[in-house]
C-alpha atoms as a PDB file:
ATOM      1  CA  MET A   1    -193.877 170.240  -4.031  1.00  0.00           C
ATOM      2  CA  GLU A   2    -191.517 168.018  -5.803  1.00  0.00           C
ATOM      3  CA  LEU A   3    -189.845 164.646  -3.431  1.00  0.00           C
ATOM      4  CA  THR A   4    -186.972 163.529  -2.706  1.00  0.00           C
ATOM      5  CA  THR A   5    -185.765 160.111  -3.050  1.00  0.00           C
ATOM      6  CA  HIS A   6    -185.867 159.567   0.426  1.00  0.00           C
ATOM      7  CA  GLU A   7    -189.716 160.309   0.692  1.00  0.00           C
ATOM      8  CA  THR A   8    -193.162 158.480  -0.277  1.00  0.00           C
ATOM      9  CA  LEU A   9    -196.013 160.599  -0.888  1.00  0.00           C
ATOM     10  CA  VAL A  10    -198.850 160.053   1.873  1.00  0.00           C
ATOM     11  CA  PRO A  11    -202.292 159.106   0.225  1.00  0.00           C
ATOM     12  CA  GLY A  12    -204.716 162.529   1.400  1.00  0.00           C
ATOM     13  CA  GLU A  13    -202.028 164.663   2.883  1.00  0.00           C
ATOM     14  CA  SER A  14    -202.890 167.275   0.614  1.00  0.00           C
ATOM     15  CA  GLU A  15    -206.417 167.441   1.632  1.00  0.00           C
ATOM     16  CA  ALA A  16    -205.382 166.919   5.401  1.00  0.00           C
ATOM     17  CA  ALA A  17    -202.791 169.562   5.507  1.00  0.00           C
ATOM     18  CA  ALA A  18    -205.601 172.221   3.818  1.00  0.00           C
ATOM     19  CA  LYS A  19    -207.530 171.260   6.654  1.00  0.00           C
ATOM     20  CA  LEU A  20    -205.153 171.620   9.095  1.00  0.00           C
ATOM     21  CA  ILE A  21    -204.021 174.897   8.305  1.00  0.00           C
ATOM     22  CA  ALA A  22    -208.166 176.275   8.193  1.00  0.00           C
ATOM     23  CA  MET A  23    -208.497 174.634  11.999  1.00  0.00           C
ATOM     24  CA  LEU A  24    -205.398 176.247  13.393  1.00  0.00           C
ATOM     25  CA  GLY A  25    -206.356 179.641  12.109  1.00  0.00           C
ATOM     26  CA  ASN A  26    -209.697 179.385  13.363  1.00  0.00           C
ATOM     27  CA  LYS A  27    -208.013 178.181  16.535  1.00  0.00           C
ATOM     28  CA  MET A  28    -205.855 180.952  16.822  1.00  0.00           C
ATOM     29  CA  LYS A  29    -208.585 183.552  16.510  1.00  0.00           C
ATOM     30  CA  LYS A  30    -211.129 181.648  19.113  1.00  0.00           C
ATOM     31  CA  ASP A  31    -207.919 181.010  21.183  1.00  0.00           C
ATOM     32  CA  ALA A  32    -206.526 184.986  21.331  1.00  0.00           C
ATOM     33  CA  PRO A  33    -207.588 187.275  24.988  1.00  0.00           C
ATOM     34  CA  PRO A  34    -210.688 189.550  24.434  1.00  0.00           C
ATOM     35  CA  GLY A  35    -208.619 192.475  23.097  1.00  0.00           C
ATOM     36  CA  GLY A  36    -205.176 191.163  22.806  1.00  0.00           C
ATOM     37  CA  LYS A  37    -203.403 189.919  19.974  1.00  0.00           C
ATOM     38  CA  ILE A  38    -203.508 186.741  18.469  1.00  0.00           C
ATOM     39  CA  ARG A  39    -200.413 184.226  19.530  1.00  0.00           C
ATOM     40  CA  ARG A  40    -198.916 181.213  17.376  1.00  0.00           C
ATOM     41  CA  ASP A  41    -200.701 178.109  17.126  1.00  0.00           C
ATOM     42  CA  ALA A  42    -198.798 176.038  18.480  1.00  0.00           C
ATOM     43  CA  HIS A  43    -195.698 177.183  21.636  1.00  0.00           C
ATOM     44  CA  PRO A  44    -197.287 180.609  22.078  1.00  0.00           C
ATOM     45  CA  LYS A  45    -195.868 181.075  25.742  1.00  0.00           C
ATOM     46  CA  GLN A  46    -192.300 182.492  25.764  1.00  0.00           C
ATOM     47  CA  ILE A  47    -190.105 180.876  28.218  1.00  0.00           C
ATOM     48  CA  GLY A  48    -187.031 183.727  27.115  1.00  0.00           C
ATOM     49  CA  LEU A  49    -185.192 184.510  23.820  1.00  0.00           C
ATOM     50  CA  LEU A  50    -182.104 184.201  24.819  1.00  0.00           C
ATOM     51  CA  LYS A  51    -178.552 185.755  22.674  1.00  0.00           C
ATOM     52  CA  ALA A  52    -176.212 182.790  22.058  1.00  0.00           C
ATOM     53  CA  GLU A  53    -173.300 181.378  19.988  1.00  0.00           C
ATOM     54  CA  PHE A  54    -173.766 178.765  17.366  1.00  0.00           C
ATOM     55  CA  ILE A  55    -170.003 177.299  17.027  1.00  0.00           C
ATOM     56  CA  ILE A  56    -169.230 174.787  14.352  1.00  0.00           C
ATOM     57  CA  ASN A  57    -166.763 172.013  15.669  1.00  0.00           C
ATOM     58  CA  SER A  58    -163.102 173.195  14.114  1.00  0.00           C
ATOM     59  CA  ASN A  59    -162.175 169.217  13.469  1.00  0.00           C
ATOM     60  CA  LEU A  60    -165.109 168.298  11.256  1.00  0.00           C
ATOM     61  CA  PRO A  61    -164.539 165.315   8.631  1.00  0.00           C
ATOM     62  CA  GLU A  62    -165.112 166.492   5.085  1.00  0.00           C
ATOM     63  CA  ASP A  63    -167.914 164.615   5.012  1.00  0.00           C
ATOM     64  CA  LEU A  64    -169.886 166.400   7.575  1.00  0.00           C
ATOM     65  CA  LYS A  65    -168.795 169.843   6.156  1.00  0.00           C
ATOM     66  CA  VAL A  66    -172.222 170.439   4.726  1.00  0.00           C
ATOM     67  CA  GLY A  67    -174.520 173.276   4.674  1.00  0.00           C
ATOM     68  CA  VAL A  68    -174.103 175.667   7.414  1.00  0.00           C
ATOM     69  CA  PHE A  69    -171.105 173.215   8.765  1.00  0.00           C
ATOM     70  CA  LYS A  70    -169.013 173.813   6.039  1.00  0.00           C
ATOM     71  CA  GLU A  71    -166.366 176.121   7.867  1.00  0.00           C
ATOM     72  CA  ALA A  72    -165.523 176.108  11.515  1.00  0.00           C
ATOM     73  CA  VAL A  73    -166.599 179.707  12.120  1.00  0.00           C
ATOM     74  CA  THR A  74    -169.424 180.982  15.062  1.00  0.00           C
ATOM     75  CA  TYR A  75    -172.940 182.443  14.329  1.00  0.00           C
ATOM     76  CA  PRO A  76    -174.570 184.487  16.495  1.00  0.00           C
ATOM     77  CA  CYS A  77    -178.341 183.300  16.728  1.00  0.00           C
ATOM     78  CA  TRP A  78    -181.275 184.127  18.839  1.00  0.00           C
ATOM     79  CA  LEU A  79    -182.616 180.774  21.086  1.00  0.00           C
ATOM     80  CA  ARG A  80    -186.732 180.830  21.509  1.00  0.00           C
ATOM     81  CA  PHE A  81    -187.438 178.490  24.400  1.00  0.00           C
ATOM     82  CA  SER A  82    -191.442 177.806  24.703  1.00  0.00           C
ATOM     83  CA  ASN A  83    -194.364 175.736  26.157  1.00  0.00           C
ATOM     84  CA  GLN A  84    -196.298 174.184  23.362  1.00  0.00           C
ATOM     85  CA  ASN A  85    -199.958 174.553  24.623  1.00  0.00           C
ATOM     86  CA  SER A  86    -202.491 176.888  23.799  1.00  0.00           C
ATOM     87  CA  PRO A  87    -204.160 178.673  25.073  1.00  0.00           C
ATOM     88  CA  PRO A  88    -201.158 178.848  27.388  1.00  0.00           C
ATOM     89  CA  ALA A  89    -200.884 177.341  30.596  1.00  0.00           C
ATOM     90  CA  PRO A  90    -199.148 177.405  33.651  1.00  0.00           C
ATOM     91  CA  ASP A  91    -195.518 176.019  33.566  1.00  0.00           C
ATOM     92  CA  HIS A  92    -196.238 173.277  36.123  1.00  0.00           C
ATOM     93  CA  VAL A  93    -198.703 171.878  33.906  1.00  0.00           C
ATOM     94  CA  LYS A  94    -196.903 169.010  31.646  1.00  0.00           C
ATOM     95  CA  ASP A  95    -196.513 170.268  27.971  1.00  0.00           C
ATOM     96  CA  ILE A  96    -194.325 169.404  25.151  1.00  0.00           C
ATOM     97  CA  ARG A  97    -191.551 171.819  25.060  1.00  0.00           C
ATOM     98  CA  GLY A  98    -189.954 173.854  22.379  1.00  0.00           C
ATOM     99  CA  LEU A  99    -186.882 175.187  21.716  1.00  0.00           C
ATOM    100  CA  ALA A 100    -185.850 177.238  18.019  1.00  0.00           C
ATOM    101  CA  ILE A 101    -183.198 178.573  16.705  1.00  0.00           C
ATOM    102  CA  LYS A 102    -182.337 181.648  14.780  1.00  0.00           C
ATOM    103  CA  LEU A 103    -178.747 181.617  13.362  1.00  0.00           C
ATOM    104  CA  MET A 104    -177.691 185.216  11.501  1.00  0.00           C
ATOM    105  CA  GLY A 105    -174.997 185.488   8.858  1.00  0.00           C
ATOM    106  CA  ILE A 106    -175.730 182.818   6.760  1.00  0.00           C
ATOM    107  CA  ASP A 107    -174.654 183.446   3.259  1.00  0.00           C
ATOM    108  CA  GLY A 108    -176.542 181.156   0.227  1.00  0.00           C
ATOM    109  CA  ASP A 109    -180.098 181.308  -1.208  1.00  0.00           C
ATOM    110  CA  LYS A 110    -182.733 179.677   1.317  1.00  0.00           C
ATOM    111  CA  VAL A 111    -185.285 177.277   0.067  1.00  0.00           C
ATOM    112  CA  LEU A 112    -188.539 179.355   0.508  1.00  0.00           C
ATOM    113  CA  GLU A 113    -188.725 182.013  -2.376  1.00  0.00           C
ATOM    114  CA  GLU A 114    -190.320 184.623  -0.121  1.00  0.00           C
ATOM    115  CA  GLU A 115    -187.542 184.695   2.197  1.00  0.00           C
ATOM    116  CA  LYS A 116    -184.531 183.581  -0.470  1.00  0.00           C
ATOM    117  CA  HIS A 117    -182.513 186.188   0.288  1.00  0.00           C
ATOM    118  CA  ALA A 118    -182.351 186.465   3.823  1.00  0.00           C
ATOM    119  CA  LYS A 119    -179.182 185.941   6.169  1.00  0.00           C
ATOM    120  CA  THR A 120    -180.867 184.037   8.191  1.00  0.00           C
ATOM    121  CA  HIS A 121    -181.745 179.637   8.929  1.00  0.00           C
ATOM    122  CA  ASP A 122    -183.716 178.077  11.186  1.00  0.00           C
ATOM    123  CA  PHE A 123    -183.686 175.059  13.316  1.00  0.00           C
ATOM    124  CA  VAL A 124    -186.998 174.049  15.181  1.00  0.00           C
ATOM    125  CA  MET A 125    -187.067 171.285  17.776  1.00  0.00           C
ATOM    126  CA  ALA A 126    -188.599 169.560  21.166  1.00  0.00           C
ATOM    127  CA  SER A 127    -188.481 167.922  24.240  1.00  0.00           C
ATOM    128  CA  ALA A 128    -189.565 164.607  22.564  1.00  0.00           C
ATOM    129  CA  ASP A 129    -188.215 162.380  19.905  1.00  0.00           C
ATOM    130  CA  TYR A 130    -190.944 161.340  18.130  1.00  0.00           C
ATOM    131  CA  PHE A 131    -194.154 162.635  17.277  1.00  0.00           C
ATOM    132  CA  VAL A 132    -197.890 161.911  18.314  1.00  0.00           C
ATOM    133  CA  THR A 133    -199.343 160.585  14.994  1.00  0.00           C
ATOM    134  CA  PRO A 134    -197.504 158.809  12.350  1.00  0.00           C
ATOM    135  CA  ASN A 135    -197.770 161.545   9.223  1.00  0.00           C
ATOM    136  CA  VAL A 136    -199.744 164.707   8.543  1.00  0.00           C
ATOM    137  CA  VAL A 137    -203.171 162.298   7.758  1.00  0.00           C
ATOM    138  CA  GLY A 138    -203.296 161.269  11.291  1.00  0.00           C
ATOM    139  CA  PHE A 139    -202.644 164.456  12.886  1.00  0.00           C
ATOM    140  CA  SER A 140    -205.353 166.406  10.916  1.00  0.00           C
ATOM    141  CA  LYS A 141    -207.811 163.809  12.493  1.00  0.00           C
ATOM    142  CA  LEU A 142    -206.314 164.684  15.940  1.00  0.00           C
ATOM    143  CA  ILE A 143    -206.672 168.247  15.827  1.00  0.00           C
ATOM    144  CA  THR A 144    -210.414 167.773  14.384  1.00  0.00           C
ATOM    145  CA  ALA A 145    -211.365 166.306  17.770  1.00  0.00           C
ATOM    146  CA  LEU A 146    -209.408 168.684  19.976  1.00  0.00           C
ATOM    147  CA  VAL A 147    -211.280 171.416  18.004  1.00  0.00           C
ATOM    148  CA  SER A 148    -214.552 169.544  18.387  1.00  0.00           C
ATOM    149  CA  GLY A 149    -215.162 169.839  22.048  1.00  0.00           C
ATOM    150  CA  LYS A 150    -214.266 167.471  25.045  1.00  0.00           C
ATOM    151  CA  PHE A 151    -216.469 164.515  24.518  1.00  0.00           C
ATOM    152  CA  ARG A 152    -215.296 164.084  20.920  1.00  0.00           C
ATOM    153  CA  LEU A 153    -211.617 164.369  22.124  1.00  0.00           C
ATOM    154  CA  ILE A 154    -212.172 161.572  24.711  1.00  0.00           C
ATOM    155  CA  LEU A 155    -213.732 159.657  21.979  1.00  0.00           C
ATOM    156  CA  TYR A 156    -211.053 160.130  19.508  1.00  0.00           C
ATOM    157  CA  PHE A 157    -208.283 159.004  22.388  1.00  0.00           C
ATOM    158  CA  LEU A 158    -210.760 155.977  23.388  1.00  0.00           C
ATOM    159  CA  LEU A 159    -210.276 154.921  19.691  1.00  0.00           C
ATOM    160  CA  HIS A 160    -206.861 155.934  19.125  1.00  0.00           C
ATOM    161  CA  PRO A 161    -204.507 153.775  22.370  1.00  0.00           C
ATOM    162  CA  ARG A 162    -201.510 154.352  20.673  1.00  0.00           C
ATOM    163  CA  VAL A 163    -201.799 158.052  20.069  1.00  0.00           C
ATOM    164  CA  THR A 164    -203.334 158.479  23.169  1.00  0.00           C
ATOM    165  CA  TYR A 165    -199.703 156.656  25.079  1.00  0.00           C
ATOM    166  CA  ARG A 166    -197.547 158.658  22.682  1.00  0.00           C
ATOM    167  CA  PHE A 167    -199.409 161.706  23.576  1.00  0.00           C
ATOM    168  CA  LEU A 168    -199.400 161.622  27.138  1.00  0.00           C
ATOM    169  CA  SER A 169    -195.783 160.128  27.122  1.00  0.00           C
ATOM    170  CA  THR A 170    -194.700 163.445  25.751  1.00  0.00           C
ATOM    171  CA  LEU A 171    -196.104 165.620  28.188  1.00  0.00           C
ATOM    172  CA  LYS A 172    -193.353 166.266  30.833  1.00  0.00           C
ATOM    173  CA  ASN A 173    -192.218 168.620  33.655  1.00  0.00           C
ATOM    174  CA  PHE A 174    -188.622 170.343  33.897  1.00  0.00           C
ATOM    175  CA  GLY A 175    -187.028 172.478  36.543  1.00  0.00           C
ATOM    176  CA  SER A 176    -185.086 174.223  34.205  1.00  0.00           C
ATOM    177  CA  LEU A 177    -185.218 174.369  30.078  1.00  0.00           C
ATOM    178  CA  LEU A 178    -181.765 175.124  30.308  1.00  0.00           C
ATOM    179  CA  GLU A 179    -180.911 171.447  31.705  1.00  0.00           C
ATOM    180  CA  ALA A 180    -183.327 169.793  29.357  1.00  0.00           C
ATOM    181  CA  ARG A 181    -182.574 167.863  25.625  1.00  0.00           C
ATOM    182  CA  PHE A 182    -184.461 168.777  22.314  1.00  0.00           C
ATOM    183  CA  TRP A 183    -184.502 166.928  19.051  1.00  0.00           C
ATOM    184  CA  SER A 184    -185.878 167.764  15.607  1.00  0.00           C
ATOM    185  CA  VAL A 185    -188.369 164.996  15.508  1.00  0.00           C
ATOM    186  CA  SER A 186    -188.605 164.748  11.935  1.00  0.00           C
ATOM    187  CA  PRO A 187    -185.903 164.269   9.437  1.00  0.00           C
ATOM    188  CA  TYR A 188    -183.526 166.779   7.116  1.00  0.00           C
ATOM    189  CA  LEU A 189    -181.700 166.375   3.946  1.00  0.00           C
ATOM    190  CA  PHE A 190    -177.861 166.807   5.214  1.00  0.00           C
ATOM    191  CA  GLY A 191    -176.632 167.055   2.016  1.00  0.00           C
ATOM    192  CA  ASP A 192    -177.399 163.848  -0.399  1.00  0.00           C
ATOM    193  CA  ARG A 193    -177.794 162.133   3.263  1.00  0.00           C
ATOM    194  CA  VAL A 194    -180.753 162.039   5.759  1.00  0.00           C
ATOM    195  CA  VAL A 195    -180.495 163.044   9.211  1.00  0.00           C
ATOM    196  CA  LYS A 196    -182.124 164.208  12.839  1.00  0.00           C
ATOM    197  CA  TYR A 197    -181.027 166.675  15.022  1.00  0.00           C
ATOM    198  CA  SER A 198    -180.816 167.054  18.619  1.00  0.00           C
ATOM    199  CA  LEU A 199    -179.691 169.109  21.034  1.00  0.00           C
ATOM    200  CA  LYS A 200    -178.445 167.700  24.652  1.00  0.00           C
ATOM    201  CA  PRO A 201    -176.693 170.015  27.576  1.00  0.00           C
ATOM    202  CA  GLN A 202    -173.033 169.644  28.479  1.00  0.00           C
ATOM    203  CA  GLY A 203    -173.620 169.654  32.224  1.00  0.00           C
ATOM    204  CA  ASN A 204    -175.744 167.615  34.364  1.00  0.00           C
ATOM    205  CA  GLU A 205    -178.048 169.625  36.871  1.00  0.00           C
ATOM    206  CA  GLN A 206    -180.931 168.490  37.565  1.00  0.00           C
ATOM    207  CA  THR A 207    -183.001 171.785  38.878  1.00  0.00           C
ATOM    208  CA  ALA A 208    -185.715 170.540  41.219  1.00  0.00           C
ATOM    209  CA  ILE A 209    -189.400 171.822  40.077  1.00  0.00           C
ATOM    210  CA  PRO A 210    -190.135 173.969  43.356  1.00  0.00           C
ATOM    211  CA  GLU A 211    -192.964 172.720  45.791  1.00  0.00           C
ATOM    212  CA  LYS A 212    -195.292 175.329  45.123  1.00  0.00           C
ATOM    213  CA  PRO A 213    -193.963 176.341  41.350  1.00  0.00           C
ATOM    214  CA  SER A 214    -195.597 180.126  40.520  1.00  0.00           C
ATOM    215  CA  ASP A 215    -197.217 179.899  36.887  1.00  0.00           C
ATOM    216  CA  ASN A 216    -193.841 181.506  35.062  1.00  0.00           C
ATOM    217  CA  TYR A 217    -191.503 179.396  37.363  1.00  0.00           C
ATOM    218  CA  LEU A 218    -189.182 178.542  34.297  1.00  0.00           C
ATOM    219  CA  ARG A 219    -189.077 181.845  33.175  1.00  0.00           C
ATOM    220  CA  GLU A 220    -188.055 182.997  36.425  1.00  0.00           C
ATOM    221  CA  THR A 221    -185.574 180.001  37.014  1.00  0.00           C
ATOM    222  CA  MET A 222    -183.990 180.633  33.733  1.00  0.00           C
ATOM    223  CA  ALA A 223    -183.237 184.422  34.441  1.00  0.00           C
ATOM    224  CA  GLN A 224    -181.632 183.530  38.054  1.00  0.00           C
ATOM    225  CA  GLN A 225    -179.788 180.482  36.530  1.00  0.00           C
ATOM    226  CA  LEU A 226    -178.420 182.877  33.459  1.00  0.00           C
ATOM    227  CA  ARG A 227    -177.267 186.106  36.022  1.00  0.00           C
ATOM    228  CA  THR A 228    -174.832 183.776  37.190  1.00  0.00           C
ATOM    229  CA  LYS A 229    -173.335 181.419  34.976  1.00  0.00           C
ATOM    230  CA  GLU A 230    -173.089 180.517  30.820  1.00  0.00           C
ATOM    231  CA  TYR A 231    -174.646 177.305  29.492  1.00  0.00           C
ATOM    232  CA  CYS A 232    -173.695 175.003  26.786  1.00  0.00           C
ATOM    233  CA  TYR A 233    -175.663 172.455  24.623  1.00  0.00           C
ATOM    234  CA  ASP A 234    -173.791 169.742  22.059  1.00  0.00           C
ATOM    235  CA  PHE A 235    -175.767 170.157  18.436  1.00  0.00           C
ATOM    236  CA  MET A 236    -175.628 166.640  17.233  1.00  0.00           C
ATOM    237  CA  ILE A 237    -176.981 164.663  13.853  1.00  0.00           C
ATOM    238  CA  GLN A 238    -178.277 161.582  13.917  1.00  0.00           C
ATOM    239  CA  PHE A 239    -177.592 159.760  10.505  1.00  0.00           C
ATOM    240  CA  HIS A 240    -180.449 157.704   8.795  1.00  0.00           C
ATOM    241  CA  LYS A 241    -179.410 154.050   8.200  1.00  0.00           C
ATOM    242  CA  ASP A 242    -182.582 151.834   7.478  1.00  0.00           C
ATOM    243  CA  ARG A 243    -185.771 152.648   5.858  1.00  0.00           C
ATOM    244  CA  GLN A 244    -187.995 150.441   7.899  1.00  0.00           C
ATOM    245  CA  THR A 245    -186.683 150.575  11.615  1.00  0.00           C
ATOM    246  CA  MET A 246    -185.593 154.670  11.026  1.00  0.00           C
ATOM    247  CA  PRO A 247    -188.987 156.029   8.738  1.00  0.00           C
ATOM    248  CA  VAL A 248    -188.565 158.851   7.226  1.00  0.00           C
ATOM    249  CA  GLU A 249    -192.588 159.082   6.651  1.00  0.00           C
ATOM    250  CA  ASP A 250    -193.455 157.883   9.961  1.00  0.00           C
ATOM    251  CA  LEU A 251    -192.553 160.341  12.528  1.00  0.00           C
ATOM    252  CA  SER A 252    -194.290 158.138  15.730  1.00  0.00           C
ATOM    253  CA  LYS A 253    -191.045 155.796  15.423  1.00  0.00           C
ATOM    254  CA  PRO A 254    -188.109 157.430  17.183  1.00  0.00           C
ATOM    255  CA  TRP A 255    -184.396 156.331  15.744  1.00  0.00           C
ATOM    256  CA  LYS A 256    -182.787 154.225  18.229  1.00  0.00           C
ATOM    257  CA  GLU A 257    -179.129 155.800  19.196  1.00  0.00           C
ATOM    258  CA  SER A 258    -177.994 152.448  19.422  1.00  0.00           C
ATOM    259  CA  GLU A 259    -178.235 151.624  15.709  1.00  0.00           C
ATOM    260  CA  SER A 260    -177.225 155.286  14.638  1.00  0.00           C
ATOM    261  CA  PRO A 261    -175.218 157.060  17.623  1.00  0.00           C
ATOM    262  CA  PHE A 262    -175.540 160.967  17.587  1.00  0.00           C
ATOM    263  CA  ILE A 263    -172.404 162.632  16.096  1.00  0.00           C
ATOM    264  CA  LYS A 264    -171.426 166.388  18.050  1.00  0.00           C
ATOM    265  CA  VAL A 265    -170.867 168.919  15.141  1.00  0.00           C
ATOM    266  CA  ALA A 266    -171.820 172.223  16.935  1.00  0.00           C
ATOM    267  CA  THR A 267    -171.599 173.737  20.300  1.00  0.00           C
ATOM    268  CA  VAL A 268    -174.219 176.216  21.462  1.00  0.00           C
ATOM    269  CA  LYS A 269    -173.278 178.464  24.016  1.00  0.00           C
ATOM    270  CA  ILE A 270    -175.658 180.693  25.952  1.00  0.00           C
ATOM    271  CA  PRO A 271    -173.684 183.310  27.904  1.00  0.00           C
ATOM    272  CA  LYS A 272    -174.606 185.225  31.310  1.00  0.00           C
ATOM    273  CA  GLN A 273    -177.132 187.456  30.142  1.00  0.00           C
ATOM    274  CA  GLU A 274    -180.540 189.806  31.400  1.00  0.00           C
ATOM    275  CA  PHE A 275    -183.009 188.737  28.975  1.00  0.00           C
ATOM    276  CA  ASP A 276    -186.228 189.191  31.610  1.00  0.00           C
ATOM    277  CA  SER A 277    -188.012 192.386  29.554  1.00  0.00           C
ATOM    278  CA  THR A 278    -190.683 193.580  28.398  1.00  0.00           C
ATOM    279  CA  GLU A 279    -189.511 194.585  25.288  1.00  0.00           C
ATOM    280  CA  GLN A 280    -186.964 191.621  24.513  1.00  0.00           C
ATOM    281  CA  GLN A 281    -190.337 189.283  25.238  1.00  0.00           C
ATOM    282  CA  GLU A 282    -192.553 191.346  22.474  1.00  0.00           C
ATOM    283  CA  TYR A 283    -189.388 191.340  20.007  1.00  0.00           C
ATOM    284  CA  GLY A 284    -189.280 187.583  20.044  1.00  0.00           C
ATOM    285  CA  ASP A 285    -193.233 187.262  20.146  1.00  0.00           C
ATOM    286  CA  GLY A 286    -192.648 189.017  16.845  1.00  0.00           C
ATOM    287  CA  LEU A 287    -190.084 186.538  15.370  1.00  0.00           C
ATOM    288  CA  SER A 288    -190.999 183.604  13.066  1.00  0.00           C
ATOM    289  CA  PHE A 289    -189.141 180.325  13.323  1.00  0.00           C
ATOM    290  CA  ASN A 290    -189.986 177.924  10.041  1.00  0.00           C
ATOM    291  CA  PRO A 291    -188.181 174.651   9.628  1.00  0.00           C
ATOM    292  CA  TRP A 292    -188.159 175.428   5.780  1.00  0.00           C
ATOM    293  CA  HIS A 293    -186.345 178.553   6.531  1.00  0.00           C
ATOM    294  CA  CYS A 294    -183.048 176.791   5.496  1.00  0.00           C
ATOM    295  CA  LEU A 295    -180.352 176.379   2.738  1.00  0.00           C
ATOM    296  CA  PRO A 296    -181.222 173.419   0.486  1.00  0.00           C
ATOM    297  CA  GLU A 297    -178.872 170.982   1.666  1.00  0.00           C
ATOM    298  CA  HIS A 298    -180.904 171.187   4.844  1.00  0.00           C
ATOM    299  CA  ARG A 299    -184.301 170.824   3.663  1.00  0.00           C
ATOM    300  CA  PRO A 300    -187.067 169.238   5.567  1.00  0.00           C
ATOM    301  CA  LEU A 301    -188.442 165.604   4.975  1.00  0.00           C
ATOM    302  CA  GLY A 302    -191.574 164.079   5.493  1.00  0.00           C
ATOM    303  CA  SER A 303    -195.559 164.813   5.160  1.00  0.00           C
ATOM    304  CA  ILE A 304    -195.393 166.457   8.656  1.00  0.00           C
ATOM    305  CA  ASN A 305    -192.931 168.829   6.894  1.00  0.00           C
ATOM    306  CA  ARG A 306    -194.347 169.148   3.237  1.00  0.00           C
ATOM    307  CA  ALA A 307    -197.379 170.593   5.716  1.00  0.00           C
ATOM    308  CA  ARG A 308    -195.380 172.479   8.097  1.00  0.00           C
ATOM    309  CA  ARG A 309    -194.260 174.423   4.550  1.00  0.00           C
ATOM    310  CA  LEU A 310    -198.059 175.557   3.870  1.00  0.00           C
ATOM    311  CA  ALA A 311    -198.788 176.222   7.458  1.00  0.00           C
ATOM    312  CA  TYR A 312    -196.008 177.713   8.977  1.00  0.00           C
ATOM    313  CA  VAL A 313    -196.142 180.548   6.435  1.00  0.00           C
ATOM    314  CA  ALA A 314    -200.016 181.162   6.231  1.00  0.00           C
ATOM    315  CA  LEU A 315    -200.489 180.963  10.261  1.00  0.00           C
ATOM    316  CA  SER A 316    -197.371 183.172  10.734  1.00  0.00           C
ATOM    317  CA  LYS A 317    -199.011 185.729   7.982  1.00  0.00           C
ATOM    318  CA  LEU A 318    -202.164 185.400   9.601  1.00  0.00           C
ATOM    319  CA  ARG A 319    -200.553 186.309  13.044  1.00  0.00           C
ATOM    320  CA  HIS A 320    -198.868 189.184  11.978  1.00  0.00           C
ATOM    321  CA  GLU A 321    -201.411 190.616   9.166  1.00  0.00           C
ATOM    322  CA  THR A 322    -204.325 190.240  12.334  1.00  0.00           C
ATOM    323  CA  ASN A 323    -201.883 191.965  14.538  1.00  0.00           C
ATOM    324  CA  GLY A 324    -200.421 194.726  12.577  1.00  0.00           C
ATOM    325  CA  ILE A 325    -197.071 193.606  12.754  1.00  0.00           C
ATOM    326  CA  ALA A 326    -194.734 193.557   9.932  1.00  0.00           C
ATOM    327  CA  ARG A 327    -192.660 189.981   9.702  1.00  0.00           C
ATOM    328  CA  PHE A 328    -188.611 190.756   9.546  1.00  0.00           C
ATOM    329  CA  GLU A 329    -185.615 188.581   9.988  1.00  0.00           C
ATOM    330  CA  PRO A 330    -183.030 190.180  12.469  1.00  0.00           C
ATOM    331  CA  GLU A 331    -179.736 190.776  11.081  1.00  0.00           C
ATOM    332  CA  ASN A 332    -178.334 190.927  14.733  1.00  0.00           C
ATOM    333  CA  PHE A 333    -179.193 191.515  18.173  1.00  0.00           C
ATOM    334  CA  ASN A 334    -180.537 194.940  18.327  1.00  0.00           C
ATOM    335  CA  ILE A 335    -184.210 194.572  19.524  1.00  0.00           C
ATOM    336  CA  HIS A 336    -184.838 198.229  18.824  1.00  0.00           C
END
């Protein structure tokens, strides 16, 4: 894979990525419920698949009119909120929460050859602004410990206190994911520049966690909230300014907003809706989200993303083929 001028190859990353894919594939099979379908290797528990609008700002300066942000238009999109734990755990267990966005109606060839002519574009985000390890080599070692049993995992955490601290710091509880902030964690091209993304709620509400939360209270709260009102997020970009303080290859170091403030480029509007049906849940479980499913102007950067390019395709293929489900890219909100 050809590197951009912003990237540096991490020694051993090809071997680490291959090992990671093999381990995660085996874990997916192991974590599958008896007689049930194989789930995603990460973020298998879907809190909600929502219909939304991605509204590009009408007053963007010329230097921000890049890729999907070239024109002041509104794209329909699917939003998938999720929990990272695998196998899935009750919502009150601290976890990293995910938000994946799939824009529809996006013209132009996409990066992945097998999805080159698709009319969709993905953004993948999480409820933390940094990763637990700097790069894919470190992440492969963490996953090796994770799949090797509790003793091996405890020993790993004792020998890697910084990773342990970062890991525990990313695990959080929320009263409602409609009020949570999300980050891309990893950097992306923005034309010939580099950015990270963030999605910030426009409101200031902070719903309390129930005193006796059910296993699925995040889904139940989301369904209740969207029956009565719409929710909006600011979609923002943060420009890379310094190689030392804002590294591309070390995702364990968040980029400080004091050094490079986020700039709003779009609004994500979630209208009032009913989403809590078995049919829509299954439809969302069948979708694939991949940061490499994008226009070249927004190409992912860094070793974690280079590994993702291989892993997301391989593991999605494993999941769909094992479950007997054909991969597809949606053209509209029709789930039938």
